[in-house]
Amino acid sequence: MSCLGEWPFLEKFDGVIVSGLEGLVKPDPRLYRVFCERYSPAPDNCVFIDDSEPNIVAARKYGMHGIHFKDPMMLRKELIALGLPLKAK
């Protein structure tokens, strides 16, 4: 079962892990490890975005860049600051 049909924008990402499909619950660090093992990026090359601070803390402890989502414009600024190819609005 896939959630990509429900959220088609996820298809634009290089890799997606859905905690419920993995049988893991954030902020379980195994979830972040599954992503890196499956798609082979180093944690410091990953950006984890979530609206839950504990999940962000766990991702950062694993070595990922963590962005606490609060506002779309702020998210855009943070992604640009990390060097993602987005145009400032």
C-alpha atoms as a PDB file:
ATOM      1  CA  MET A   1       0.000   0.000   0.000  1.00  0.00           C
ATOM      2  CA  SER A   2       1.365   3.431  -0.879  1.00  0.00           C
ATOM      3  CA  CYS A   3       0.401   6.917   0.185  1.00  0.00           C
ATOM      4  CA  LEU A   4       1.868   8.446  -2.968  1.00  0.00           C
ATOM      5  CA  GLY A   5      -1.533   8.419  -4.637  1.00  0.00           C
ATOM      6  CA  GLU A   6      -2.911  10.479  -1.775  1.00  0.00           C
ATOM      7  CA  TRP A   7       0.045  12.907  -1.794  1.00  0.00           C
ATOM      8  CA  PRO A   8       1.421  13.043  -5.350  1.00  0.00           C
ATOM      9  CA  PHE A   9       3.981  15.740  -4.470  1.00  0.00           C
ATOM     10  CA  LEU A  10       5.960  13.036  -2.633  1.00  0.00           C
ATOM     11  CA  GLU A  11       6.898  11.555  -6.005  1.00  0.00           C
ATOM     12  CA  LYS A  12       9.188  14.553  -6.561  1.00  0.00           C
ATOM     13  CA  PHE A  13      11.519  13.455  -3.752  1.00  0.00           C
ATOM     14  CA  ASP A  14      14.465  11.116  -4.281  1.00  0.00           C
ATOM     15  CA  GLY A  15      13.295   8.958  -1.388  1.00  0.00           C
ATOM     16  CA  VAL A  16      10.285   8.712   0.880  1.00  0.00           C
ATOM     17  CA  ILE A  17       9.795   6.677   4.026  1.00  0.00           C
ATOM     18  CA  VAL A  18       6.320   6.488   5.555  1.00  0.00           C
ATOM     19  CA  SER A  19       6.544   5.513   9.209  1.00  0.00           C
ATOM     20  CA  GLY A  20       3.238   3.639   9.258  1.00  0.00           C
ATOM     21  CA  LEU A  21       4.245   1.548   6.258  1.00  0.00           C
ATOM     22  CA  GLU A  22       7.574   0.740   7.923  1.00  0.00           C
ATOM     23  CA  GLY A  23       5.959  -0.273  11.216  1.00  0.00           C
ATOM     24  CA  LEU A  24       7.949   2.375  13.057  1.00  0.00           C
ATOM     25  CA  VAL A  25       6.844   5.497  14.872  1.00  0.00           C
ATOM     26  CA  LYS A  26       8.745   8.779  14.876  1.00  0.00           C
ATOM     27  CA  PRO A  27      10.916   9.734  16.668  1.00  0.00           C
ATOM     28  CA  ASP A  28      12.279   6.164  16.673  1.00  0.00           C
ATOM     29  CA  PRO A  29      15.840   6.541  15.320  1.00  0.00           C
ATOM     30  CA  ARG A  30      15.452   3.313  13.337  1.00  0.00           C
ATOM     31  CA  LEU A  31      13.177   5.215  10.944  1.00  0.00           C
ATOM     32  CA  TYR A  32      15.967   7.621   9.976  1.00  0.00           C
ATOM     33  CA  ARG A  33      18.407   4.707   9.631  1.00  0.00           C
ATOM     34  CA  VAL A  34      15.971   2.850   7.312  1.00  0.00           C
ATOM     35  CA  PHE A  35      15.883   5.887   5.024  1.00  0.00           C
ATOM     36  CA  CYS A  36      19.669   6.146   4.822  1.00  0.00           C
ATOM     37  CA  GLU A  37      20.131   2.412   4.325  1.00  0.00           C
ATOM     38  CA  ARG A  38      17.468   2.207   1.623  1.00  0.00           C
ATOM     39  CA  TYR A  39      18.485   5.266  -0.390  1.00  0.00           C
ATOM     40  CA  SER A  40      22.202   5.434   0.534  1.00  0.00           C
ATOM     41  CA  PRO A  41      22.630   9.120   1.426  1.00  0.00           C
ATOM     42  CA  ALA A  42      24.827  10.156   4.313  1.00  0.00           C
ATOM     43  CA  PRO A  43      22.663  11.601   7.112  1.00  0.00           C
ATOM     44  CA  ASP A  44      24.310  15.013   6.744  1.00  0.00           C
ATOM     45  CA  ASN A  45      23.060  15.114   3.130  1.00  0.00           C
ATOM     46  CA  CYS A  46      19.429  14.673   4.253  1.00  0.00           C
ATOM     47  CA  VAL A  47      16.847  17.282   5.189  1.00  0.00           C
ATOM     48  CA  PHE A  48      14.094  16.105   7.509  1.00  0.00           C
ATOM     49  CA  ILE A  49      11.020  18.359   7.749  1.00  0.00           C
ATOM     50  CA  ASP A  50       8.327  17.831  10.350  1.00  0.00           C
ATOM     51  CA  ASP A  51       5.894  19.829  12.461  1.00  0.00           C
ATOM     52  CA  SER A  52       6.860  17.942  15.623  1.00  0.00           C
ATOM     53  CA  GLU A  53       9.878  19.171  17.564  1.00  0.00           C
ATOM     54  CA  PRO A  54      10.721  15.729  19.078  1.00  0.00           C
ATOM     55  CA  ASN A  55      10.925  14.271  15.567  1.00  0.00           C
ATOM     56  CA  ILE A  56      13.265  17.062  14.488  1.00  0.00           C
ATOM     57  CA  VAL A  57      15.466  16.521  17.543  1.00  0.00           C
ATOM     58  CA  ALA A  58      15.720  12.792  16.749  1.00  0.00           C
ATOM     59  CA  ALA A  59      16.623  13.465  13.104  1.00  0.00           C
ATOM     60  CA  ARG A  60      19.318  15.926  14.171  1.00  0.00           C
ATOM     61  CA  LYS A  61      20.732  13.396  16.654  1.00  0.00           C
ATOM     62  CA  TYR A  62      20.979  10.954  13.756  1.00  0.00           C
ATOM     63  CA  GLY A  63      22.946  13.581  11.813  1.00  0.00           C
ATOM     64  CA  MET A  64      20.294  14.948   9.461  1.00  0.00           C
ATOM     65  CA  HIS A  65      19.424  18.579   8.913  1.00  0.00           C
ATOM     66  CA  GLY A  66      16.144  19.042  10.730  1.00  0.00           C
ATOM     67  CA  ILE A  67      13.633  21.765   9.947  1.00  0.00           C
ATOM     68  CA  HIS A  68      10.723  22.342  12.292  1.00  0.00           C
ATOM     69  CA  PHE A  69       7.866  23.213   9.933  1.00  0.00           C
ATOM     70  CA  LYS A  70       5.753  26.109  11.137  1.00  0.00           C
ATOM     71  CA  ASP A  71       5.179  28.249   8.070  1.00  0.00           C
ATOM     72  CA  PRO A  72       5.589  27.623   4.312  1.00  0.00           C
ATOM     73  CA  MET A  73       7.537  30.829   3.663  1.00  0.00           C
ATOM     74  CA  MET A  74       9.941  30.117   6.521  1.00  0.00           C
ATOM     75  CA  LEU A  75      10.418  26.570   5.234  1.00  0.00           C
ATOM     76  CA  ARG A  76      11.287  27.948   1.800  1.00  0.00           C
ATOM     77  CA  LYS A  77      13.876  30.309   3.350  1.00  0.00           C
ATOM     78  CA  GLU A  78      15.426  27.487   5.380  1.00  0.00           C
ATOM     79  CA  LEU A  79      15.638  25.209   2.341  1.00  0.00           C
ATOM     80  CA  ILE A  80      17.255  27.967   0.277  1.00  0.00           C
ATOM     81  CA  ALA A  81      19.724  28.563   3.132  1.00  0.00           C
ATOM     82  CA  LEU A  82      20.671  24.867   2.913  1.00  0.00           C
ATOM     83  CA  GLY A  83      21.396  25.322  -0.792  1.00  0.00           C
ATOM     84  CA  LEU A  84      18.328  23.687  -2.292  1.00  0.00           C
ATOM     85  CA  PRO A  85      17.539  25.056  -5.763  1.00  0.00           C
ATOM     86  CA  LEU A  86      14.435  27.078  -4.911  1.00  0.00           C
ATOM     87  CA  LYS A  87      13.698  30.589  -6.026  1.00  0.00           C
ATOM     88  CA  ALA A  88      13.016  33.145  -3.303  1.00  0.00           C
ATOM     89  CA  LYS A  89       9.511  34.541  -3.428  1.00  0.00           C
END
